[in-house]
Amino acid sequence: MKFIKGIIVSIWVVVAIITTICLLAYNDYMVSDFGDYSLFVVDNKSLEPKFKKHDLVIVKKGEENDYNIGDYLFFYMGNKETMSFINLGQVIDIDRIDRAEDVFKFDSIDRSYGHIMGKADGAIVWRKVGLILGVLKSRWGFMFLIILPTLYAVVYEVYSIVLEVKKESKKELSGEEKKS
């Protein structure tokens, strides 16, 4: 029984650490960034048919020169002040404004290189895994599945220590009374 309990606790600790790291790695668009890689959960049907709701997608950002006309790219819409979301579009033109910045043109949208996440063709997709991560990264999910169990474990350990200290102090007192 202790072995199974140990496995469950170990899995929970790993999940808690991974979830916390994903939350700490959020960018301005609430997408977890790890260097050149972005990890996001598809939360609407706008990316269908290739990407379904609740898919976990990992996309690698390439260099500006890696993207060409006809490529399907993930890109950010909105900004910090407005509603932000991820879109997918085919590049129809690329404007080379200067050596520092390219502007990628999609159907009716122009986005700078800074708003590009990466190619859809090279993305890693895990079907339905995003549902689990989405629940864990939500406010209520994180609170009930990560914070409260952690708080319970800490309080339980402190309580166990207090009981052990009381038990040891009673032993010492009864040992001193027998000597006298």
N, C-alpha and C. Protein backbone atom coordinates (compact mmCIF):
# COMPACT_ATOMS: atom_id res chain seq x y z
N MET A 1 0.83 -1.20 0.00
CA MET A 1 0.00 0.00 0.00
C MET A 1 0.87 1.26 0.00
N LYS A 2 1.98 1.22 0.78
CA LYS A 2 2.87 2.39 0.82
C LYS A 2 3.52 2.61 -0.54
N PHE A 3 3.81 1.53 -1.26
CA PHE A 3 4.42 1.63 -2.58
C PHE A 3 3.49 2.35 -3.55
N ILE A 4 2.22 1.98 -3.56
CA ILE A 4 1.24 2.62 -4.45
C ILE A 4 1.06 4.09 -4.06
N LYS A 5 1.00 4.35 -2.75
CA LYS A 5 0.88 5.73 -2.27
C LYS A 5 2.09 6.55 -2.71
N GLY A 6 3.27 5.96 -2.64
CA GLY A 6 4.49 6.64 -3.07
C GLY A 6 4.47 6.96 -4.56
N ILE A 7 3.98 6.03 -5.37
CA ILE A 7 3.88 6.27 -6.82
C ILE A 7 2.90 7.40 -7.11
N ILE A 8 1.75 7.38 -6.46
CA ILE A 8 0.74 8.43 -6.68
C ILE A 8 1.28 9.79 -6.27
N VAL A 9 1.93 9.86 -5.13
CA VAL A 9 2.50 11.13 -4.67
C VAL A 9 3.60 11.60 -5.62
N SER A 10 4.43 10.68 -6.10
CA SER A 10 5.49 11.05 -7.04
C SER A 10 4.92 11.60 -8.34
N ILE A 11 3.90 10.95 -8.86
CA ILE A 11 3.25 11.44 -10.09
C ILE A 11 2.65 12.81 -9.85
N TRP A 12 1.98 12.99 -8.70
CA TRP A 12 1.38 14.29 -8.39
C TRP A 12 2.44 15.38 -8.30
N VAL A 13 3.59 15.08 -7.68
CA VAL A 13 4.67 16.06 -7.56
C VAL A 13 5.18 16.46 -8.94
N VAL A 14 5.37 15.48 -9.81
CA VAL A 14 5.85 15.78 -11.17
C VAL A 14 4.84 16.65 -11.91
N VAL A 15 3.57 16.30 -11.83
CA VAL A 15 2.52 17.09 -12.49
C VAL A 15 2.48 18.50 -11.92
N ALA A 16 2.60 18.63 -10.62
CA ALA A 16 2.58 19.96 -9.99
C ALA A 16 3.77 20.80 -10.46
N ILE A 17 4.94 20.21 -10.55
CA ILE A 17 6.12 20.94 -10.99
C ILE A 17 5.99 21.36 -12.45
N ILE A 18 5.56 20.44 -13.31
CA ILE A 18 5.39 20.76 -14.74
C ILE A 18 4.36 21.86 -14.92
N THR A 19 3.24 21.76 -14.23
CA THR A 19 2.19 22.79 -14.34
C THR A 19 2.70 24.14 -13.88
N THR A 20 3.40 24.17 -12.77
CA THR A 20 3.93 25.42 -12.24
C THR A 20 4.94 26.03 -13.21
N ILE A 21 5.80 25.22 -13.78
CA ILE A 21 6.77 25.71 -14.76
C ILE A 21 6.06 26.29 -15.97
N CYS A 22 5.02 25.61 -16.45
CA CYS A 22 4.24 26.13 -17.59
C CYS A 22 3.61 27.48 -17.25
N LEU A 23 3.10 27.63 -16.05
CA LEU A 23 2.49 28.90 -15.66
C LEU A 23 3.54 30.00 -15.52
N LEU A 24 4.70 29.67 -14.99
CA LEU A 24 5.76 30.67 -14.83
C LEU A 24 6.37 31.07 -16.17
N ALA A 25 6.22 30.24 -17.19
CA ALA A 25 6.79 30.52 -18.51
C ALA A 25 5.83 31.27 -19.42
N TYR A 26 4.71 31.76 -18.87
CA TYR A 26 3.73 32.49 -19.69
C TYR A 26 4.36 33.74 -20.31
N ASN A 27 3.98 34.01 -21.55
CA ASN A 27 4.36 35.28 -22.18
C ASN A 27 3.18 36.24 -22.10
N ASP A 28 3.23 37.35 -22.84
CA ASP A 28 2.15 38.35 -22.79
C ASP A 28 0.82 37.80 -23.29
N TYR A 29 0.85 36.72 -24.06
CA TYR A 29 -0.36 36.16 -24.65
C TYR A 29 -0.86 34.93 -23.89
N MET A 30 -0.30 34.70 -22.70
CA MET A 30 -0.65 33.57 -21.84
C MET A 30 -0.37 32.24 -22.52
N VAL A 31 0.75 32.18 -23.22
CA VAL A 31 1.25 30.96 -23.85
C VAL A 31 2.58 30.65 -23.19
N SER A 32 2.81 29.40 -22.87
CA SER A 32 4.07 29.00 -22.24
C SER A 32 5.18 28.97 -23.28
N ASP A 33 6.22 29.78 -23.06
CA ASP A 33 7.38 29.83 -23.95
C ASP A 33 8.58 29.22 -23.26
N PHE A 34 9.26 28.33 -23.98
CA PHE A 34 10.49 27.71 -23.51
C PHE A 34 11.53 27.89 -24.61
N GLY A 35 12.23 29.01 -24.57
CA GLY A 35 13.19 29.31 -25.62
C GLY A 35 12.47 29.55 -26.94
N ASP A 36 12.80 28.77 -27.95
CA ASP A 36 12.17 28.90 -29.26
C ASP A 36 10.86 28.11 -29.36
N TYR A 37 10.50 27.39 -28.33
CA TYR A 37 9.31 26.56 -28.38
C TYR A 37 8.16 27.21 -27.60
N SER A 38 6.96 27.12 -28.18
CA SER A 38 5.74 27.60 -27.52
C SER A 38 4.81 26.41 -27.33
N LEU A 39 4.18 26.35 -26.18
CA LEU A 39 3.27 25.27 -25.84
C LEU A 39 1.92 25.90 -25.55
N PHE A 40 0.90 25.49 -26.30
CA PHE A 40 -0.43 26.06 -26.05
C PHE A 40 -1.50 25.01 -26.26
N VAL A 41 -2.66 25.30 -25.67
CA VAL A 41 -3.82 24.43 -25.77
C VAL A 41 -4.79 25.08 -26.74
N VAL A 42 -5.26 24.31 -27.71
CA VAL A 42 -6.27 24.80 -28.64
C VAL A 42 -7.58 24.90 -27.87
N ASP A 43 -8.09 26.13 -27.74
CA ASP A 43 -9.27 26.32 -26.91
C ASP A 43 -10.50 26.77 -27.70
N ASN A 44 -10.41 26.75 -29.02
CA ASN A 44 -11.58 27.07 -29.83
C ASN A 44 -11.51 26.29 -31.13
N LYS A 45 -12.53 26.44 -31.95
CA LYS A 45 -12.60 25.67 -33.19
C LYS A 45 -12.05 26.42 -34.39
N SER A 46 -11.42 27.57 -34.17
CA SER A 46 -10.93 28.38 -35.28
C SER A 46 -9.72 27.76 -35.99
N LEU A 47 -9.06 26.79 -35.36
CA LEU A 47 -7.88 26.17 -35.96
C LEU A 47 -8.21 24.83 -36.64
N GLU A 48 -9.50 24.47 -36.65
CA GLU A 48 -9.91 23.22 -37.30
C GLU A 48 -9.79 23.38 -38.81
N PRO A 49 -9.60 22.33 -39.55
CA PRO A 49 -9.74 20.91 -39.24
C PRO A 49 -8.45 20.25 -38.76
N LYS A 50 -7.30 20.87 -38.99
CA LYS A 50 -6.03 20.23 -38.64
C LYS A 50 -5.84 20.13 -37.13
N PHE A 51 -6.26 21.14 -36.39
CA PHE A 51 -6.08 21.16 -34.94
C PHE A 51 -7.45 21.22 -34.29
N LYS A 52 -7.70 20.29 -33.39
CA LYS A 52 -9.00 20.18 -32.72
C LYS A 52 -8.94 20.82 -31.35
N LYS A 53 -10.13 21.17 -30.84
CA LYS A 53 -10.23 21.73 -29.50
C LYS A 53 -9.64 20.73 -28.50
N HIS A 54 -8.90 21.23 -27.53
CA HIS A 54 -8.24 20.47 -26.46
C HIS A 54 -6.97 19.76 -26.92
N ASP A 55 -6.46 20.07 -28.10
CA ASP A 55 -5.16 19.53 -28.51
C ASP A 55 -4.07 20.34 -27.81
N LEU A 56 -2.99 19.68 -27.44
CA LEU A 56 -1.81 20.35 -26.93
C LEU A 56 -0.84 20.47 -28.11
N VAL A 57 -0.44 21.70 -28.43
CA VAL A 57 0.40 21.95 -29.59
C VAL A 57 1.73 22.54 -29.12
N ILE A 58 2.81 21.97 -29.63
CA ILE A 58 4.15 22.50 -29.37
C ILE A 58 4.70 22.95 -30.72
N VAL A 59 5.03 24.23 -30.82
CA VAL A 59 5.49 24.79 -32.09
C VAL A 59 6.83 25.47 -31.88
N LYS A 60 7.72 25.30 -32.86
CA LYS A 60 9.06 25.89 -32.78
C LYS A 60 9.12 27.12 -33.67
N LYS A 61 9.63 28.21 -33.10
CA LYS A 61 9.78 29.44 -33.86
C LYS A 61 11.09 29.38 -34.63
N GLY A 62 10.99 29.64 -35.91
CA GLY A 62 12.18 29.65 -36.76
C GLY A 62 12.68 31.07 -36.97
N GLU A 63 13.72 31.19 -37.77
CA GLU A 63 14.25 32.50 -38.15
C GLU A 63 13.32 33.13 -39.18
N GLU A 64 13.42 34.43 -39.35
CA GLU A 64 12.56 35.13 -40.32
C GLU A 64 12.70 34.56 -41.72
N ASN A 65 13.90 34.18 -42.09
CA ASN A 65 14.14 33.66 -43.43
C ASN A 65 13.59 32.25 -43.63
N ASP A 66 13.20 31.58 -42.56
CA ASP A 66 12.66 30.22 -42.66
C ASP A 66 11.23 30.21 -43.18
N TYR A 67 10.56 31.35 -43.16
CA TYR A 67 9.16 31.42 -43.56
C TYR A 67 9.04 31.96 -44.97
N ASN A 68 8.17 31.30 -45.74
CA ASN A 68 7.99 31.68 -47.14
C ASN A 68 6.52 31.86 -47.46
N ILE A 69 6.25 32.45 -48.60
CA ILE A 69 4.88 32.59 -49.07
C ILE A 69 4.30 31.20 -49.26
N GLY A 70 3.09 31.01 -48.78
CA GLY A 70 2.42 29.72 -48.85
C GLY A 70 2.50 28.90 -47.58
N ASP A 71 3.41 29.26 -46.66
CA ASP A 71 3.51 28.54 -45.39
C ASP A 71 2.30 28.86 -44.50
N TYR A 72 1.88 27.87 -43.74
CA TYR A 72 0.85 28.08 -42.73
C TYR A 72 1.55 28.34 -41.41
N LEU A 73 1.28 29.50 -40.82
CA LEU A 73 1.94 29.91 -39.59
C LEU A 73 0.94 30.16 -38.48
N PHE A 74 1.36 29.82 -37.25
CA PHE A 74 0.62 30.25 -36.07
C PHE A 74 1.10 31.67 -35.74
N PHE A 75 0.16 32.53 -35.38
CA PHE A 75 0.55 33.88 -34.98
C PHE A 75 -0.41 34.39 -33.91
N TYR A 76 0.10 35.37 -33.12
CA TYR A 76 -0.69 35.97 -32.05
C TYR A 76 -1.55 37.08 -32.61
N MET A 77 -2.74 37.19 -32.06
CA MET A 77 -3.65 38.30 -32.35
C MET A 77 -3.88 39.06 -31.06
N GLY A 78 -4.14 40.35 -31.17
CA GLY A 78 -4.41 41.17 -29.99
C GLY A 78 -3.12 41.61 -29.33
N ASN A 79 -3.25 42.14 -28.12
CA ASN A 79 -2.09 42.57 -27.34
C ASN A 79 -2.42 42.45 -25.86
N LYS A 80 -1.59 43.00 -25.00
CA LYS A 80 -1.80 42.89 -23.55
C LYS A 80 -3.14 43.47 -23.12
N GLU A 81 -3.54 44.57 -23.73
CA GLU A 81 -4.75 45.28 -23.29
C GLU A 81 -6.04 44.66 -23.82
N THR A 82 -5.97 43.98 -24.96
CA THR A 82 -7.17 43.43 -25.57
C THR A 82 -7.15 41.91 -25.48
N MET A 83 -8.22 41.32 -25.91
CA MET A 83 -8.32 39.86 -25.92
C MET A 83 -7.25 39.28 -26.84
N SER A 84 -6.50 38.34 -26.36
CA SER A 84 -5.44 37.72 -27.14
C SER A 84 -5.83 36.30 -27.51
N PHE A 85 -5.45 35.89 -28.70
CA PHE A 85 -5.67 34.51 -29.09
C PHE A 85 -4.68 34.14 -30.19
N ILE A 86 -4.65 32.86 -30.48
CA ILE A 86 -3.73 32.33 -31.48
C ILE A 86 -4.53 32.05 -32.75
N ASN A 87 -3.95 32.41 -33.87
CA ASN A 87 -4.60 32.19 -35.15
C ASN A 87 -3.66 31.40 -36.04
N LEU A 88 -4.21 30.86 -37.11
CA LEU A 88 -3.45 30.11 -38.08
C LEU A 88 -3.80 30.65 -39.45
N GLY A 89 -2.79 30.98 -40.23
CA GLY A 89 -3.06 31.53 -41.55
C GLY A 89 -1.95 31.20 -42.54
N GLN A 90 -2.31 31.32 -43.81
CA GLN A 90 -1.34 31.09 -44.87
C GLN A 90 -0.72 32.42 -45.29
N VAL A 91 0.59 32.45 -45.37
CA VAL A 91 1.30 33.67 -45.76
C VAL A 91 1.05 33.91 -47.25
N ILE A 92 0.51 35.11 -47.57
CA ILE A 92 0.28 35.44 -48.97
C ILE A 92 1.31 36.43 -49.51
N ASP A 93 2.01 37.11 -48.59
CA ASP A 93 3.06 38.04 -49.01
C ASP A 93 3.95 38.37 -47.82
N ILE A 94 5.19 38.72 -48.11
CA ILE A 94 6.13 39.13 -47.06
C ILE A 94 6.73 40.46 -47.47
N ASP A 95 6.56 41.48 -46.63
CA ASP A 95 7.17 42.79 -46.88
C ASP A 95 8.46 42.90 -46.09
N ARG A 96 9.53 43.16 -46.80
CA ARG A 96 10.82 43.37 -46.15
C ARG A 96 10.96 44.87 -45.91
N ILE A 97 10.54 45.33 -44.72
CA ILE A 97 10.56 46.75 -44.40
C ILE A 97 11.98 47.24 -44.26
N ASP A 98 12.74 46.58 -43.45
CA ASP A 98 14.16 46.87 -43.32
C ASP A 98 14.84 45.57 -42.89
N ARG A 99 16.13 45.62 -42.66
CA ARG A 99 16.85 44.40 -42.31
C ARG A 99 16.44 43.86 -40.95
N ALA A 100 15.82 44.68 -40.13
CA ALA A 100 15.49 44.27 -38.77
C ALA A 100 14.12 43.61 -38.65
N GLU A 101 13.21 43.87 -39.57
CA GLU A 101 11.84 43.40 -39.37
C GLU A 101 11.15 43.09 -40.69
N ASP A 102 10.52 41.92 -40.72
CA ASP A 102 9.67 41.54 -41.85
C ASP A 102 8.22 41.61 -41.39
N VAL A 103 7.34 41.91 -42.32
CA VAL A 103 5.90 41.89 -42.04
C VAL A 103 5.28 40.79 -42.90
N PHE A 104 4.61 39.87 -42.24
CA PHE A 104 3.97 38.75 -42.93
C PHE A 104 2.51 39.09 -43.15
N LYS A 105 2.06 38.95 -44.38
CA LYS A 105 0.67 39.27 -44.73
C LYS A 105 -0.12 37.98 -44.86
N PHE A 106 -1.23 37.95 -44.14
CA PHE A 106 -2.17 36.86 -44.24
C PHE A 106 -3.39 37.41 -44.96
N ASP A 107 -4.51 36.74 -44.99
CA ASP A 107 -5.68 37.19 -45.77
C ASP A 107 -5.95 38.68 -45.61
N SER A 108 -6.32 39.10 -44.42
CA SER A 108 -6.61 40.52 -44.20
C SER A 108 -5.82 41.06 -43.01
N ILE A 109 -4.77 40.33 -42.64
CA ILE A 109 -4.03 40.67 -41.43
C ILE A 109 -2.55 40.77 -41.75
N ASP A 110 -1.91 41.78 -41.19
CA ASP A 110 -0.46 41.92 -41.27
C ASP A 110 0.11 41.71 -39.87
N ARG A 111 1.11 40.85 -39.76
CA ARG A 111 1.74 40.59 -38.46
C ARG A 111 3.25 40.66 -38.61
N SER A 112 3.91 41.26 -37.62
CA SER A 112 5.36 41.33 -37.63
C SER A 112 5.93 39.99 -37.18
N TYR A 113 7.23 39.82 -37.39
CA TYR A 113 7.91 38.59 -37.02
C TYR A 113 7.75 38.31 -35.52
N GLY A 114 7.70 39.34 -34.70
CA GLY A 114 7.54 39.15 -33.25
C GLY A 114 6.24 38.49 -32.86
N HIS A 115 5.23 38.55 -33.72
CA HIS A 115 3.93 37.94 -33.44
C HIS A 115 3.80 36.53 -34.02
N ILE A 116 4.81 36.07 -34.72
CA ILE A 116 4.78 34.75 -35.33
C ILE A 116 5.26 33.72 -34.32
N MET A 117 4.53 32.60 -34.20
CA MET A 117 4.90 31.53 -33.29
C MET A 117 5.74 30.46 -34.00
N GLY A 118 5.36 30.12 -35.23
CA GLY A 118 6.08 29.09 -35.96
C GLY A 118 5.19 28.43 -37.00
N LYS A 119 5.78 27.49 -37.73
CA LYS A 119 5.07 26.79 -38.80
C LYS A 119 4.13 25.74 -38.22
N ALA A 120 2.97 25.63 -38.84
CA ALA A 120 2.00 24.61 -38.43
C ALA A 120 2.46 23.23 -38.87
N ASP A 121 3.20 23.16 -39.97
CA ASP A 121 3.65 21.85 -40.48
C ASP A 121 4.61 21.15 -39.53
N GLY A 122 5.43 21.88 -38.82
CA GLY A 122 6.39 21.27 -37.93
C GLY A 122 5.92 21.13 -36.50
N ALA A 123 4.66 21.45 -36.24
CA ALA A 123 4.14 21.43 -34.87
C ALA A 123 3.92 19.99 -34.39
N ILE A 124 4.17 19.80 -33.11
CA ILE A 124 3.89 18.52 -32.45
C ILE A 124 2.51 18.65 -31.82
N VAL A 125 1.64 17.68 -32.09
CA VAL A 125 0.26 17.75 -31.59
C VAL A 125 -0.03 16.51 -30.75
N TRP A 126 -0.51 16.75 -29.54
CA TRP A 126 -0.98 15.67 -28.68
C TRP A 126 -2.47 15.85 -28.50
N ARG A 127 -3.22 14.93 -29.07
CA ARG A 127 -4.68 15.01 -29.05
C ARG A 127 -5.22 14.85 -27.62
N LYS A 128 -6.13 15.72 -27.25
CA LYS A 128 -6.87 15.71 -25.97
C LYS A 128 -6.02 15.93 -24.73
N VAL A 129 -4.70 15.96 -24.84
CA VAL A 129 -3.84 16.21 -23.68
C VAL A 129 -4.02 17.65 -23.19
N GLY A 130 -4.37 18.53 -24.10
CA GLY A 130 -4.60 19.93 -23.74
C GLY A 130 -5.73 20.11 -22.76
N LEU A 131 -6.70 19.20 -22.78
CA LEU A 131 -7.80 19.27 -21.81
C LEU A 131 -7.27 19.14 -20.40
N ILE A 132 -6.37 18.20 -20.18
CA ILE A 132 -5.79 18.00 -18.85
C ILE A 132 -4.96 19.21 -18.44
N LEU A 133 -4.07 19.65 -19.34
CA LEU A 133 -3.23 20.81 -19.02
C LEU A 133 -4.07 22.07 -18.84
N GLY A 134 -5.12 22.21 -19.64
CA GLY A 134 -6.01 23.36 -19.51
C GLY A 134 -6.68 23.42 -18.15
N VAL A 135 -7.10 22.27 -17.64
CA VAL A 135 -7.72 22.22 -16.31
C VAL A 135 -6.68 22.54 -15.24
N LEU A 136 -5.50 21.96 -15.37
CA LEU A 136 -4.45 22.20 -14.38
C LEU A 136 -4.00 23.66 -14.36
N LYS A 137 -3.96 24.31 -15.53
CA LYS A 137 -3.49 25.69 -15.61
C LYS A 137 -4.59 26.71 -15.31
N SER A 138 -5.84 26.26 -15.21
CA SER A 138 -6.91 27.20 -14.87
C SER A 138 -6.78 27.60 -13.41
N ARG A 139 -7.37 28.71 -13.04
CA ARG A 139 -7.27 29.19 -11.66
C ARG A 139 -7.82 28.18 -10.67
N TRP A 140 -9.03 27.70 -10.92
CA TRP A 140 -9.67 26.78 -10.00
C TRP A 140 -9.01 25.42 -10.01
N GLY A 141 -8.63 24.95 -11.20
CA GLY A 141 -7.96 23.66 -11.29
C GLY A 141 -6.64 23.67 -10.55
N PHE A 142 -5.85 24.73 -10.74
CA PHE A 142 -4.56 24.83 -10.05
C PHE A 142 -4.77 24.89 -8.54
N MET A 143 -5.78 25.62 -8.12
CA MET A 143 -6.03 25.75 -6.68
C MET A 143 -6.43 24.40 -6.07
N PHE A 144 -7.42 23.72 -6.69
CA PHE A 144 -7.93 22.48 -6.10
C PHE A 144 -7.02 21.28 -6.31
N LEU A 145 -6.27 21.25 -7.41
CA LEU A 145 -5.46 20.07 -7.71
C LEU A 145 -3.98 20.21 -7.34
N ILE A 146 -3.51 21.44 -7.13
CA ILE A 146 -2.10 21.64 -6.80
C ILE A 146 -1.94 22.32 -5.43
N ILE A 147 -2.55 23.49 -5.27
CA ILE A 147 -2.32 24.27 -4.05
C ILE A 147 -2.92 23.61 -2.81
N LEU A 148 -4.20 23.23 -2.86
CA LEU A 148 -4.83 22.64 -1.67
C LEU A 148 -4.18 21.33 -1.23
N PRO A 149 -3.88 20.40 -2.15
CA PRO A 149 -3.16 19.19 -1.69
C PRO A 149 -1.79 19.52 -1.09
N THR A 150 -1.10 20.50 -1.66
CA THR A 150 0.19 20.91 -1.10
C THR A 150 0.01 21.47 0.30
N LEU A 151 -0.97 22.33 0.47
CA LEU A 151 -1.27 22.90 1.78
C LEU A 151 -1.62 21.81 2.78
N TYR A 152 -2.43 20.85 2.35
CA TYR A 152 -2.80 19.73 3.22
C TYR A 152 -1.55 18.96 3.65
N ALA A 153 -0.67 18.66 2.69
CA ALA A 153 0.55 17.91 3.00
C ALA A 153 1.44 18.66 3.99
N VAL A 154 1.57 19.97 3.80
CA VAL A 154 2.40 20.77 4.71
C VAL A 154 1.80 20.78 6.11
N VAL A 155 0.49 21.03 6.21
CA VAL A 155 -0.17 21.06 7.52
C VAL A 155 -0.07 19.69 8.19
N TYR A 156 -0.25 18.62 7.43
CA TYR A 156 -0.16 17.27 7.98
C TYR A 156 1.23 16.99 8.51
N GLU A 157 2.26 17.41 7.77
CA GLU A 157 3.64 17.19 8.22
C GLU A 157 3.94 17.99 9.49
N VAL A 158 3.48 19.24 9.54
CA VAL A 158 3.69 20.06 10.74
C VAL A 158 2.98 19.42 11.93
N TYR A 159 1.76 18.96 11.72
CA TYR A 159 1.00 18.29 12.78
C TYR A 159 1.73 17.04 13.25
N SER A 160 2.26 16.25 12.33
CA SER A 160 3.01 15.04 12.69
C SER A 160 4.25 15.37 13.51
N ILE A 161 4.94 16.42 13.13
CA ILE A 161 6.13 16.85 13.87
C ILE A 161 5.76 17.27 15.28
N VAL A 162 4.69 18.05 15.40
CA VAL A 162 4.24 18.51 16.72
C VAL A 162 3.88 17.30 17.59
N LEU A 163 3.16 16.33 17.06
CA LEU A 163 2.82 15.13 17.83
C LEU A 163 4.06 14.36 18.25
N GLU A 164 5.02 14.26 17.37
CA GLU A 164 6.26 13.55 17.69
C GLU A 164 7.05 14.27 18.78
N VAL A 165 7.10 15.59 18.71
CA VAL A 165 7.80 16.37 19.74
C VAL A 165 7.11 16.20 21.09
N LYS A 166 5.79 16.26 21.11
CA LYS A 166 5.04 16.06 22.36
C LYS A 166 5.30 14.67 22.92
N LYS A 167 5.31 13.67 22.06
CA LYS A 167 5.54 12.29 22.48
C LYS A 167 6.94 12.14 23.09
N GLU A 168 7.92 12.72 22.46
CA GLU A 168 9.30 12.65 22.95
C GLU A 168 9.46 13.41 24.27
N SER A 169 8.78 14.57 24.38
CA SER A 169 8.89 15.34 25.63
C SER A 169 8.21 14.60 26.78
N LYS A 170 7.13 13.88 26.52
CA LYS A 170 6.48 13.07 27.56
C LYS A 170 7.39 11.93 28.01
N LYS A 171 8.09 11.31 27.06
CA LYS A 171 9.04 10.24 27.39
C LYS A 171 10.16 10.78 28.28
N GLU A 172 10.67 11.95 27.94
CA GLU A 172 11.75 12.55 28.72
C GLU A 172 11.26 12.90 30.12
N LEU A 173 10.03 13.45 30.23
CA LEU A 173 9.49 13.79 31.55
C LEU A 173 9.26 12.55 32.40
N SER A 174 8.71 11.50 31.81
CA SER A 174 8.46 10.28 32.58
C SER A 174 9.78 9.60 32.95
N GLY A 175 10.81 9.71 32.11
CA GLY A 175 12.14 9.17 32.42
C GLY A 175 12.77 9.93 33.56
N GLU A 176 12.60 11.25 33.66
CA GLU A 176 13.17 12.06 34.74
C GLU A 176 12.44 11.77 36.05
N GLU A 177 11.11 11.52 36.00
CA GLU A 177 10.35 11.22 37.21
C GLU A 177 10.76 9.88 37.80
N LYS A 178 11.07 8.91 36.93
CA LYS A 178 11.49 7.59 37.43
C LYS A 178 12.85 7.69 38.11
N LYS A 179 13.73 8.57 37.62
CA LYS A 179 15.06 8.74 38.21
C LYS A 179 14.96 9.40 39.59
N SER A 180 13.97 10.24 39.82
CA SER A 180 13.88 10.94 41.08
C SER A 180 13.16 10.13 42.07
